[in-house]
Amino acid sequence: MVVDELDAAEVDRIFHALADATRRDILAQVIRSEQSVSALAQHYPMSFAAVQKHVAVLERALLVTKKRRGREQIVHGDLAALRKATRLLGAYEEIWRYRTGQIEQILAED
């Protein structure tokens, strides 16, 4: 099960990163096409430093990677990490589907 493949700290970092709407939007943008942190900062009504902090949170969760190109930091989405998060959520869905199935079975017995 995916939940067992990830340690608790890694799961915490993924959910923390995806819990913020700006970070989810940044992730969606860099999955569509790589962008510099400067280019990303132009999309949001916040400082460059604030956007850079959001990118750092995504990077710690391994959802994005940054590479230096000249004077710019280019941000790339990591589809493998995103697939891992998707499988993690699917595993939780599977647990809940099992539980609701058990409840339905108990109710049907009465």
PDB file of N, CA and C in Angstrom:
ATOM      1  N   MET A   1       0.857  -1.191   0.000  1.00  0.00           N
ATOM      2  CA  MET A   1       0.000   0.000   0.000  1.00  0.00           C
ATOM      3  C   MET A   1       0.890   1.236   0.000  1.00  0.00           C
ATOM      4  N   VAL A   2       0.482   2.261  -0.723  1.00  0.00           N
ATOM      5  CA  VAL A   2       1.254   3.494  -0.864  1.00  0.00           C
ATOM      6  C   VAL A   2       1.511   4.149   0.483  1.00  0.00           C
ATOM      7  N   VAL A   3       0.525   4.070   1.369  1.00  0.00           N
ATOM      8  CA  VAL A   3       0.675   4.701   2.681  1.00  0.00           C
ATOM      9  C   VAL A   3       1.900   4.132   3.384  1.00  0.00           C
ATOM     10  N   ASP A   4       2.151   2.833   3.190  1.00  0.00           N
ATOM     11  CA  ASP A   4       3.300   2.196   3.817  1.00  0.00           C
ATOM     12  C   ASP A   4       4.612   2.547   3.120  1.00  0.00           C
ATOM     13  N   GLU A   5       4.556   2.950   1.844  1.00  0.00           N
ATOM     14  CA  GLU A   5       5.759   3.301   1.097  1.00  0.00           C
ATOM     15  C   GLU A   5       6.334   4.640   1.518  1.00  0.00           C
ATOM     16  N   LEU A   6       5.501   5.517   2.031  1.00  0.00           N
ATOM     17  CA  LEU A   6       5.922   6.865   2.412  1.00  0.00           C
ATOM     18  C   LEU A   6       6.051   6.947   3.921  1.00  0.00           C
ATOM     19  N   ASP A   7       7.100   7.634   4.384  1.00  0.00           N
ATOM     20  CA  ASP A   7       7.175   7.818   5.831  1.00  0.00           C
ATOM     21  C   ASP A   7       6.263   8.976   6.238  1.00  0.00           C
ATOM     22  N   ALA A   8       5.970   9.052   7.514  1.00  0.00           N
ATOM     23  CA  ALA A   8       5.004  10.039   8.012  1.00  0.00           C
ATOM     24  C   ALA A   8       5.430  11.470   7.687  1.00  0.00           C
ATOM     25  N   ALA A   9       6.701  11.745   7.768  1.00  0.00           N
ATOM     26  CA  ALA A   9       7.180  13.103   7.481  1.00  0.00           C
ATOM     27  C   ALA A   9       6.949  13.463   6.013  1.00  0.00           C
ATOM     28  N   GLU A  10       7.154  12.505   5.120  1.00  0.00           N
ATOM     29  CA  GLU A  10       6.943  12.755   3.697  1.00  0.00           C
ATOM     30  C   GLU A  10       5.458  13.013   3.407  1.00  0.00           C
ATOM     31  N   VAL A  11       4.589  12.226   4.020  1.00  0.00           N
ATOM     32  CA  VAL A  11       3.147  12.426   3.855  1.00  0.00           C
ATOM     33  C   VAL A  11       2.757  13.805   4.384  1.00  0.00           C
ATOM     34  N   ASP A  12       3.288  14.187   5.537  1.00  0.00           N
ATOM     35  CA  ASP A  12       2.985  15.507   6.109  1.00  0.00           C
ATOM     36  C   ASP A  12       3.418  16.623   5.164  1.00  0.00           C
ATOM     37  N   ARG A  13       4.604  16.484   4.574  1.00  0.00           N
ATOM     38  CA  ARG A  13       5.100  17.534   3.667  1.00  0.00           C
ATOM     39  C   ARG A  13       4.224  17.636   2.418  1.00  0.00           C
ATOM     40  N   ILE A  14       3.780  16.502   1.885  1.00  0.00           N
ATOM     41  CA  ILE A  14       2.928  16.527   0.688  1.00  0.00           C
ATOM     42  C   ILE A  14       1.593  17.196   0.998  1.00  0.00           C
ATOM     43  N   PHE A  15       0.944  16.773   2.087  1.00  0.00           N
ATOM     44  CA  PHE A  15      -0.363  17.364   2.408  1.00  0.00           C
ATOM     45  C   PHE A  15      -0.235  18.827   2.796  1.00  0.00           C
ATOM     46  N   HIS A  16       0.832  19.180   3.507  1.00  0.00           N
ATOM     47  CA  HIS A  16       1.047  20.589   3.863  1.00  0.00           C
ATOM     48  C   HIS A  16       1.209  21.421   2.588  1.00  0.00           C
ATOM     49  N   ALA A  17       1.986  20.925   1.649  1.00  0.00           N
ATOM     50  CA  ALA A  17       2.221  21.663   0.406  1.00  0.00           C
ATOM     51  C   ALA A  17       0.939  21.828  -0.396  1.00  0.00           C
ATOM     52  N   LEU A  18       0.130  20.782  -0.454  1.00  0.00           N
ATOM     53  CA  LEU A  18      -1.088  20.832  -1.268  1.00  0.00           C
ATOM     54  C   LEU A  18      -2.262  21.494  -0.557  1.00  0.00           C
ATOM     55  N   ALA A  19      -2.100  21.836   0.712  1.00  0.00           N
ATOM     56  CA  ALA A  19      -3.189  22.440   1.481  1.00  0.00           C
ATOM     57  C   ALA A  19      -3.413  23.913   1.138  1.00  0.00           C
ATOM     58  N   ASP A  20      -2.498  24.518   0.422  1.00  0.00           N
ATOM     59  CA  ASP A  20      -2.590  25.945   0.119  1.00  0.00           C
ATOM     60  C   ASP A  20      -2.946  26.144  -1.356  1.00  0.00           C
ATOM     61  N   ALA A  21      -3.937  27.007  -1.617  1.00  0.00           N
ATOM     62  CA  ALA A  21      -4.417  27.231  -2.992  1.00  0.00           C
ATOM     63  C   ALA A  21      -3.330  27.815  -3.886  1.00  0.00           C
ATOM     64  N   THR A  22      -2.524  28.718  -3.365  1.00  0.00           N
ATOM     65  CA  THR A  22      -1.453  29.301  -4.187  1.00  0.00           C
ATOM     66  C   THR A  22      -0.445  28.234  -4.586  1.00  0.00           C
ATOM     67  N   ARG A  23      -0.090  27.363  -3.644  1.00  0.00           N
ATOM     68  CA  ARG A  23       0.877  26.309  -3.972  1.00  0.00           C
ATOM     69  C   ARG A  23       0.301  25.321  -4.990  1.00  0.00           C
ATOM     70  N   ARG A  24      -1.000  25.003  -4.848  1.00  0.00           N
ATOM     71  CA  ARG A  24      -1.616  24.120  -5.846  1.00  0.00           C
ATOM     72  C   ARG A  24      -1.591  24.769  -7.227  1.00  0.00           C
ATOM     73  N   ASP A  25      -1.832  26.085  -7.270  1.00  0.00           N
ATOM     74  CA  ASP A  25      -1.817  26.787  -8.550  1.00  0.00           C
ATOM     75  C   ASP A  25      -0.407  26.833  -9.132  1.00  0.00           C
ATOM     76  N   ILE A  26       0.582  27.101  -8.287  1.00  0.00           N
ATOM     77  CA  ILE A  26       1.972  27.097  -8.760  1.00  0.00           C
ATOM     78  C   ILE A  26       2.315  25.722  -9.319  1.00  0.00           C
ATOM     79  N   LEU A  27       1.934  24.678  -8.613  1.00  0.00           N
ATOM     80  CA  LEU A  27       2.215  23.314  -9.075  1.00  0.00           C
ATOM     81  C   LEU A  27       1.566  23.059 -10.431  1.00  0.00           C
ATOM     82  N   ALA A  28       0.300  23.470 -10.584  1.00  0.00           N
ATOM     83  CA  ALA A  28      -0.389  23.273 -11.866  1.00  0.00           C
ATOM     84  C   ALA A  28       0.333  24.019 -12.988  1.00  0.00           C
ATOM     85  N   GLN A  29       0.795  25.233 -12.691  1.00  0.00           N
ATOM     86  CA  GLN A  29       1.480  26.013 -13.729  1.00  0.00           C
ATOM     87  C   GLN A  29       2.798  25.374 -14.164  1.00  0.00           C
ATOM     88  N   VAL A  30       3.577  24.915 -13.187  1.00  0.00           N
ATOM     89  CA  VAL A  30       4.890  24.364 -13.563  1.00  0.00           C
ATOM     90  C   VAL A  30       4.781  22.956 -14.136  1.00  0.00           C
ATOM     91  N   ILE A  31       3.657  22.288 -13.904  1.00  0.00           N
ATOM     92  CA  ILE A  31       3.444  21.005 -14.573  1.00  0.00           C
ATOM     93  C   ILE A  31       3.142  21.257 -16.052  1.00  0.00           C
ATOM     94  N   ARG A  32       2.363  22.339 -16.313  1.00  0.00           N
ATOM     95  CA  ARG A  32       2.060  22.676 -17.714  1.00  0.00           C
ATOM     96  C   ARG A  32       3.335  23.071 -18.463  1.00  0.00           C
ATOM     97  N   SER A  33       4.158  23.911 -17.820  1.00  0.00           N
ATOM     98  CA  SER A  33       5.430  24.310 -18.438  1.00  0.00           C
ATOM     99  C   SER A  33       6.345  24.868 -17.357  1.00  0.00           C
ATOM    100  N   GLU A  34       7.614  24.568 -17.478  1.00  0.00           N
ATOM    101  CA  GLU A  34       8.573  25.078 -16.502  1.00  0.00           C
ATOM    102  C   GLU A  34       8.557  26.599 -16.521  1.00  0.00           C
ATOM    103  N   GLN A  35       8.794  27.189 -15.353  1.00  0.00           N
ATOM    104  CA  GLN A  35       8.800  28.647 -15.261  1.00  0.00           C
ATOM    105  C   GLN A  35       9.839  29.067 -14.240  1.00  0.00           C
ATOM    106  N   SER A  36      10.358  30.267 -14.422  1.00  0.00           N
ATOM    107  CA  SER A  36      11.263  30.810 -13.416  1.00  0.00           C
ATOM    108  C   SER A  36      10.439  31.303 -12.234  1.00  0.00           C
ATOM    109  N   VAL A  37      11.081  31.416 -11.102  1.00  0.00           N
ATOM    110  CA  VAL A  37      10.387  31.938  -9.924  1.00  0.00           C
ATOM    111  C   VAL A  37       9.921  33.365 -10.204  1.00  0.00           C
ATOM    112  N   SER A  38      10.716  34.123 -10.931  1.00  0.00           N
ATOM    113  CA  SER A  38      10.329  35.504 -11.285  1.00  0.00           C
ATOM    114  C   SER A  38       9.051  35.521 -12.126  1.00  0.00           C
ATOM    115  N   ALA A  39       8.962  34.630 -13.105  1.00  0.00           N
ATOM    116  CA  ALA A  39       7.758  34.562 -13.952  1.00  0.00           C
ATOM    117  C   ALA A  39       6.554  34.143 -13.123  1.00  0.00           C
ATOM    118  N   LEU A  40       6.750  33.201 -12.207  1.00  0.00           N
ATOM    119  CA  LEU A  40       5.643  32.782 -11.337  1.00  0.00           C
ATOM    120  C   LEU A  40       5.163  33.938 -10.475  1.00  0.00           C
ATOM    121  N   ALA A  41       6.095  34.726  -9.979  1.00  0.00           N
ATOM    122  CA  ALA A  41       5.745  35.830  -9.076  1.00  0.00           C
ATOM    123  C   ALA A  41       4.839  36.860  -9.750  1.00  0.00           C
ATOM    124  N   GLN A  42       4.901  36.946 -11.075  1.00  0.00           N
ATOM    125  CA  GLN A  42       4.065  37.909 -11.794  1.00  0.00           C
ATOM    126  C   GLN A  42       2.590  37.520 -11.788  1.00  0.00           C
ATOM    127  N   HIS A  43       2.282  36.271 -11.473  1.00  0.00           N
ATOM    128  CA  HIS A  43       0.894  35.797 -11.479  1.00  0.00           C
ATOM    129  C   HIS A  43       0.151  36.061 -10.176  1.00  0.00           C
ATOM    130  N   TYR A  44       0.859  36.459  -9.133  1.00  0.00           N
ATOM    131  CA  TYR A  44       0.231  36.532  -7.815  1.00  0.00           C
ATOM    132  C   TYR A  44       0.415  37.914  -7.192  1.00  0.00           C
ATOM    133  N   PRO A  45      -0.615  38.345  -6.455  1.00  0.00           N
ATOM    134  CA  PRO A  45      -0.516  39.662  -5.795  1.00  0.00           C
ATOM    135  C   PRO A  45       0.256  39.554  -4.481  1.00  0.00           C
ATOM    136  N   MET A  46       1.467  39.099  -4.575  1.00  0.00           N
ATOM    137  CA  MET A  46       2.313  38.962  -3.392  1.00  0.00           C
ATOM    138  C   MET A  46       3.754  39.192  -3.829  1.00  0.00           C
ATOM    139  N   SER A  47       4.612  39.324  -2.850  1.00  0.00           N
ATOM    140  CA  SER A  47       6.007  39.623  -3.162  1.00  0.00           C
ATOM    141  C   SER A  47       6.711  38.422  -3.792  1.00  0.00           C
ATOM    142  N   PHE A  48       7.826  38.703  -4.446  1.00  0.00           N
ATOM    143  CA  PHE A  48       8.665  37.649  -5.003  1.00  0.00           C
ATOM    144  C   PHE A  48       9.103  36.698  -3.896  1.00  0.00           C
ATOM    145  N   ALA A  49       9.453  37.250  -2.748  1.00  0.00           N
ATOM    146  CA  ALA A  49       9.914  36.419  -1.623  1.00  0.00           C
ATOM    147  C   ALA A  49       8.813  35.468  -1.155  1.00  0.00           C
ATOM    148  N   ALA A  50       7.563  35.940  -1.150  1.00  0.00           N
ATOM    149  CA  ALA A  50       6.445  35.081  -0.727  1.00  0.00           C
ATOM    150  C   ALA A  50       6.263  33.927  -1.714  1.00  0.00           C
ATOM    151  N   VAL A  51       6.347  34.224  -3.005  1.00  0.00           N
ATOM    152  CA  VAL A  51       6.230  33.165  -4.018  1.00  0.00           C
ATOM    153  C   VAL A  51       7.396  32.186  -3.870  1.00  0.00           C
ATOM    154  N   GLN A  52       8.571  32.712  -3.630  1.00  0.00           N
ATOM    155  CA  GLN A  52       9.749  31.864  -3.452  1.00  0.00           C
ATOM    156  C   GLN A  52       9.554  30.916  -2.252  1.00  0.00           C
ATOM    157  N   LYS A  53       8.927  31.410  -1.193  1.00  0.00           N
ATOM    158  CA  LYS A  53       8.653  30.553  -0.031  1.00  0.00           C
ATOM    159  C   LYS A  53       7.656  29.453  -0.385  1.00  0.00           C
ATOM    160  N   HIS A  54       6.634  29.798  -1.173  1.00  0.00           N
ATOM    161  CA  HIS A  54       5.681  28.759  -1.612  1.00  0.00           C
ATOM    162  C   HIS A  54       6.400  27.688  -2.445  1.00  0.00           C
ATOM    163  N   VAL A  55       7.281  28.120  -3.329  1.00  0.00           N
ATOM    164  CA  VAL A  55       8.036  27.162  -4.152  1.00  0.00           C
ATOM    165  C   VAL A  55       8.923  26.294  -3.255  1.00  0.00           C
ATOM    166  N   ALA A  56       9.502  26.879  -2.226  1.00  0.00           N
ATOM    167  CA  ALA A  56      10.352  26.111  -1.303  1.00  0.00           C
ATOM    168  C   ALA A  56       9.542  25.023  -0.586  1.00  0.00           C
ATOM    169  N   VAL A  57       8.310  25.344  -0.208  1.00  0.00           N
ATOM    170  CA  VAL A  57       7.447  24.335   0.440  1.00  0.00           C
ATOM    171  C   VAL A  57       7.167  23.192  -0.529  1.00  0.00           C
ATOM    172  N   LEU A  58       6.870  23.534  -1.783  1.00  0.00           N
ATOM    173  CA  LEU A  58       6.626  22.503  -2.802  1.00  0.00           C
ATOM    174  C   LEU A  58       7.889  21.677  -3.054  1.00  0.00           C
ATOM    175  N   GLU A  59       9.025  22.332  -3.009  1.00  0.00           N
ATOM    176  CA  GLU A  59      10.297  21.640  -3.227  1.00  0.00           C
ATOM    177  C   GLU A  59      10.595  20.675  -2.077  1.00  0.00           C
ATOM    178  N   ARG A  60      10.324  21.092  -0.842  1.00  0.00           N
ATOM    179  CA  ARG A  60      10.546  20.197   0.312  1.00  0.00           C
ATOM    180  C   ARG A  60       9.639  18.967   0.241  1.00  0.00           C
ATOM    181  N   ALA A  61       8.466  19.133  -0.355  1.00  0.00           N
ATOM    182  CA  ALA A  61       7.537  18.002  -0.517  1.00  0.00           C
ATOM    183  C   ALA A  61       7.893  17.163  -1.743  1.00  0.00           C
ATOM    184  N   LEU A  62       8.950  17.568  -2.453  1.00  0.00           N
ATOM    185  CA  LEU A  62       9.435  16.879  -3.657  1.00  0.00           C
ATOM    186  C   LEU A  62       8.431  16.935  -4.804  1.00  0.00           C
ATOM    187  N   LEU A  63       7.511  17.897  -4.744  1.00  0.00           N
ATOM    188  CA  LEU A  63       6.529  18.043  -5.822  1.00  0.00           C
ATOM    189  C   LEU A  63       7.083  18.869  -6.980  1.00  0.00           C
ATOM    190  N   VAL A  64       8.107  19.686  -6.711  1.00  0.00           N
ATOM    191  CA  VAL A  64       8.788  20.454  -7.761  1.00  0.00           C
ATOM    192  C   VAL A  64      10.292  20.367  -7.540  1.00  0.00           C
ATOM    193  N   THR A  65      11.016  20.646  -8.608  1.00  0.00           N
ATOM    194  CA  THR A  65      12.468  20.773  -8.496  1.00  0.00           C
ATOM    195  C   THR A  65      12.861  22.109  -9.100  1.00  0.00           C
ATOM    196  N   LYS A  66      13.970  22.653  -8.624  1.00  0.00           N
ATOM    197  CA  LYS A  66      14.481  23.913  -9.170  1.00  0.00           C
ATOM    198  C   LYS A  66      15.865  23.658  -9.736  1.00  0.00           C
ATOM    199  N   LYS A  67      16.105  24.280 -10.881  1.00  0.00           N
ATOM    200  CA  LYS A  67      17.439  24.218 -11.481  1.00  0.00           C
ATOM    201  C   LYS A  67      17.845  25.626 -11.858  1.00  0.00           C
ATOM    202  N   ARG A  68      19.094  25.925 -11.624  1.00  0.00           N
ATOM    203  CA  ARG A  68      19.596  27.253 -11.972  1.00  0.00           C
ATOM    204  C   ARG A  68      19.888  27.301 -13.467  1.00  0.00           C
ATOM    205  N   ARG A  69      19.367  28.327 -14.116  1.00  0.00           N
ATOM    206  CA  ARG A  69      19.664  28.592 -15.517  1.00  0.00           C
ATOM    207  C   ARG A  69      20.085  30.054 -15.594  1.00  0.00           C
ATOM    208  N   GLY A  70      21.375  30.260 -15.671  1.00  0.00           N
ATOM    209  CA  GLY A  70      21.874  31.635 -15.648  1.00  0.00           C
ATOM    210  C   GLY A  70      21.581  32.259 -14.299  1.00  0.00           C
ATOM    211  N   ARG A  71      20.898  33.375 -14.320  1.00  0.00           N
ATOM    212  CA  ARG A  71      20.567  34.072 -13.074  1.00  0.00           C
ATOM    213  C   ARG A  71      19.218  33.643 -12.520  1.00  0.00           C
ATOM    214  N   GLU A  72      18.506  32.782 -13.252  1.00  0.00           N
ATOM    215  CA  GLU A  72      17.152  32.415 -12.833  1.00  0.00           C
ATOM    216  C   GLU A  72      17.092  31.016 -12.243  1.00  0.00           C
ATOM    217  N   GLN A  73      16.142  30.827 -11.369  1.00  0.00           N
ATOM    218  CA  GLN A  73      15.821  29.510 -10.828  1.00  0.00           C
ATOM    219  C   GLN A  73      14.596  29.016 -11.601  1.00  0.00           C
ATOM    220  N   ILE A  74      14.746  27.929 -12.337  1.00  0.00           N
ATOM    221  CA  ILE A  74      13.646  27.388 -13.142  1.00  0.00           C
ATOM    222  C   ILE A  74      12.969  26.274 -12.335  1.00  0.00           C
ATOM    223  N   VAL A  75      11.644  26.363 -12.233  1.00  0.00           N
ATOM    224  CA  VAL A  75      10.866  25.412 -11.436  1.00  0.00           C
ATOM    225  C   VAL A  75      10.178  24.418 -12.370  1.00  0.00           C
ATOM    226  N   HIS A  76      10.338  23.137 -12.057  1.00  0.00           N
ATOM    227  CA  HIS A  76       9.723  22.052 -12.829  1.00  0.00           C
ATOM    228  C   HIS A  76       8.797  21.266 -11.905  1.00  0.00           C
ATOM    229  N   GLY A  77       7.663  20.848 -12.428  1.00  0.00           N
ATOM    230  CA  GLY A  77       6.796  19.951 -11.658  1.00  0.00           C
ATOM    231  C   GLY A  77       7.330  18.538 -11.744  1.00  0.00           C
ATOM    232  N   ASP A  78       7.189  17.790 -10.668  1.00  0.00           N
ATOM    233  CA  ASP A  78       7.654  16.403 -10.642  1.00  0.00           C
ATOM    234  C   ASP A  78       6.442  15.484 -10.683  1.00  0.00           C
ATOM    235  N   LEU A  79       6.152  14.969 -11.876  1.00  0.00           N
ATOM    236  CA  LEU A  79       4.959  14.136 -12.046  1.00  0.00           C
ATOM    237  C   LEU A  79       5.030  12.856 -11.228  1.00  0.00           C
ATOM    238  N   ALA A  80       6.229  12.316 -11.028  1.00  0.00           N
ATOM    239  CA  ALA A  80       6.347  11.085 -10.235  1.00  0.00           C
ATOM    240  C   ALA A  80       5.890  11.340  -8.798  1.00  0.00           C
ATOM    241  N   ALA A  81       6.278  12.476  -8.232  1.00  0.00           N
ATOM    242  CA  ALA A  81       5.856  12.800  -6.864  1.00  0.00           C
ATOM    243  C   ALA A  81       4.357  13.047  -6.813  1.00  0.00           C
ATOM    244  N   LEU A  82       3.830  13.699  -7.842  1.00  0.00           N
ATOM    245  CA  LEU A  82       2.388  13.955  -7.886  1.00  0.00           C
ATOM    246  C   LEU A  82       1.616  12.643  -8.010  1.00  0.00           C
ATOM    247  N   ARG A  83       2.141  11.714  -8.776  1.00  0.00           N
ATOM    248  CA  ARG A  83       1.490  10.399  -8.880  1.00  0.00           C
ATOM    249  C   ARG A  83       1.519   9.683  -7.530  1.00  0.00           C
ATOM    250  N   LYS A  84       2.608   9.861  -6.800  1.00  0.00           N
ATOM    251  CA  LYS A  84       2.707   9.251  -5.469  1.00  0.00           C
ATOM    252  C   LYS A  84       1.620   9.828  -4.564  1.00  0.00           C
ATOM    253  N   ALA A  85       1.408  11.146  -4.627  1.00  0.00           N
ATOM    254  CA  ALA A  85       0.352  11.780  -3.829  1.00  0.00           C
ATOM    255  C   ALA A  85      -1.022  11.277  -4.257  1.00  0.00           C
ATOM    256  N   THR A  86      -1.207  11.103  -5.567  1.00  0.00           N
ATOM    257  CA  THR A  86      -2.477  10.590  -6.081  1.00  0.00           C
ATOM    258  C   THR A  86      -2.729   9.178  -5.567  1.00  0.00           C
ATOM    259  N   ARG A  87      -1.690   8.341  -5.592  1.00  0.00           N
ATOM    260  CA  ARG A  87      -1.843   6.964  -5.086  1.00  0.00           C
ATOM    261  C   ARG A  87      -2.123   6.977  -3.586  1.00  0.00           C
ATOM    262  N   LEU A  88      -1.503   7.907  -2.875  1.00  0.00           N
ATOM    263  CA  LEU A  88      -1.738   8.028  -1.431  1.00  0.00           C
ATOM    264  C   LEU A  88      -3.216   8.350  -1.165  1.00  0.00           C
ATOM    265  N   LEU A  89      -3.756   9.333  -1.891  1.00  0.00           N
ATOM    266  CA  LEU A  89      -5.169   9.675  -1.710  1.00  0.00           C
ATOM    267  C   LEU A  89      -6.072   8.515  -2.126  1.00  0.00           C
ATOM    268  N   GLY A  90      -5.681   7.795  -3.169  1.00  0.00           N
ATOM    269  CA  GLY A  90      -6.443   6.629  -3.593  1.00  0.00           C
ATOM    270  C   GLY A  90      -6.465   5.547  -2.515  1.00  0.00           C
ATOM    271  N   ALA A  91      -5.339   5.394  -1.810  1.00  0.00           N
ATOM    272  CA  ALA A  91      -5.273   4.411  -0.723  1.00  0.00           C
ATOM    273  C   ALA A  91      -6.229   4.801   0.404  1.00  0.00           C
ATOM    274  N   TYR A  92      -6.272   6.102   0.729  1.00  0.00           N
ATOM    275  CA  TYR A  92      -7.214   6.545   1.763  1.00  0.00           C
ATOM    276  C   TYR A  92      -8.659   6.358   1.305  1.00  0.00           C
ATOM    277  N   GLU A  93      -8.927   6.623   0.026  1.00  0.00           N
ATOM    278  CA  GLU A  93     -10.272   6.414  -0.500  1.00  0.00           C
ATOM    279  C   GLU A  93     -10.664   4.940  -0.373  1.00  0.00           C
ATOM    280  N   GLU A  94      -9.716   4.065  -0.657  1.00  0.00           N
ATOM    281  CA  GLU A  94      -9.969   2.629  -0.567  1.00  0.00           C
ATOM    282  C   GLU A  94     -10.326   2.233   0.872  1.00  0.00           C
ATOM    283  N   ILE A  95      -9.635   2.800   1.849  1.00  0.00           N
ATOM    284  CA  ILE A  95      -9.931   2.519   3.266  1.00  0.00           C
ATOM    285  C   ILE A  95     -11.359   2.955   3.596  1.00  0.00           C
ATOM    286  N   TRP A  96     -11.721   4.172   3.147  1.00  0.00           N
ATOM    287  CA  TRP A  96     -13.067   4.672   3.451  1.00  0.00           C
ATOM    288  C   TRP A  96     -14.144   3.879   2.723  1.00  0.00           C
ATOM    289  N   ARG A  97     -13.859   3.463   1.502  1.00  0.00           N
ATOM    290  CA  ARG A  97     -14.849   2.644   0.780  1.00  0.00           C
ATOM    291  C   ARG A  97     -15.057   1.312   1.508  1.00  0.00           C
ATOM    292  N   TYR A  98     -13.988   0.730   2.028  1.00  0.00           N
ATOM    293  CA  TYR A  98     -14.108  -0.508   2.792  1.00  0.00           C
ATOM    294  C   TYR A  98     -14.970  -0.277   4.037  1.00  0.00           C
ATOM    295  N   ARG A  99     -14.687   0.823   4.744  1.00  0.00           N
ATOM    296  CA  ARG A  99     -15.454   1.121   5.962  1.00  0.00           C
ATOM    297  C   ARG A  99     -16.929   1.358   5.674  1.00  0.00           C
ATOM    298  N   THR A 100     -17.237   2.117   4.627  1.00  0.00           N
ATOM    299  CA  THR A 100     -18.654   2.353   4.313  1.00  0.00           C
ATOM    300  C   THR A 100     -19.327   1.051   3.878  1.00  0.00           C
ATOM    301  N   GLY A 101     -18.579   0.182   3.210  1.00  0.00           N
ATOM    302  CA  GLY A 101     -19.107  -1.129   2.831  1.00  0.00           C
ATOM    303  C   GLY A 101     -19.446  -1.950   4.067  1.00  0.00           C
ATOM    304  N   GLN A 102     -18.591  -1.884   5.078  1.00  0.00           N
ATOM    305  CA  GLN A 102     -18.837  -2.597   6.326  1.00  0.00           C
ATOM    306  C   GLN A 102     -20.084  -2.059   7.028  1.00  0.00           C
ATOM    307  N   ILE A 103     -20.244  -0.732   7.037  1.00  0.00           N
ATOM    308  CA  ILE A 103     -21.421  -0.120   7.668  1.00  0.00           C
ATOM    309  C   ILE A 103     -22.695  -0.558   6.935  1.00  0.00           C
ATOM    310  N   GLU A 104     -22.649  -0.531   5.599  1.00  0.00           N
ATOM    311  CA  GLU A 104     -23.812  -0.959   4.810  1.00  0.00           C
ATOM    312  C   GLU A 104     -24.167  -2.419   5.104  1.00  0.00           C
ATOM    313  N   GLN A 105     -23.132  -3.240   5.277  1.00  0.00           N
ATOM    314  CA  GLN A 105     -23.354  -4.656   5.573  1.00  0.00           C
ATOM    315  C   GLN A 105     -24.018  -4.824   6.943  1.00  0.00           C
ATOM    316  N   ILE A 106     -23.567  -4.047   7.932  1.00  0.00           N
ATOM    317  CA  ILE A 106     -24.157  -4.113   9.278  1.00  0.00           C
ATOM    318  C   ILE A 106     -25.609  -3.660   9.235  1.00  0.00           C
ATOM    319  N   LEU A 107     -25.875  -2.570   8.506  1.00  0.00           N
ATOM    320  CA  LEU A 107     -27.241  -2.053   8.418  1.00  0.00           C
ATOM    321  C   LEU A 107     -28.158  -3.041   7.694  1.00  0.00           C
ATOM    322  N   ALA A 108     -27.624  -3.733   6.700  1.00  0.00           N
ATOM    323  CA  ALA A 108     -28.434  -4.695   5.949  1.00  0.00           C
ATOM    324  C   ALA A 108     -28.801  -5.906   6.804  1.00  0.00           C
ATOM    325  N   GLU A 109     -27.961  -6.218   7.796  1.00  0.00           N
ATOM    326  CA  GLU A 109     -28.223  -7.355   8.664  1.00  0.00           C
ATOM    327  C   GLU A 109     -29.364  -7.091   9.646  1.00  0.00           C
ATOM    328  N   ASP A 110     -29.607  -5.819   9.955  1.00  0.00           N
ATOM    329  CA  ASP A 110     -30.678  -5.488  10.920  1.00  0.00           C
ATOM    330  C   ASP A 110     -32.048  -5.540  10.311  1.00  0.00           C
TER     331      ASP A 110
END
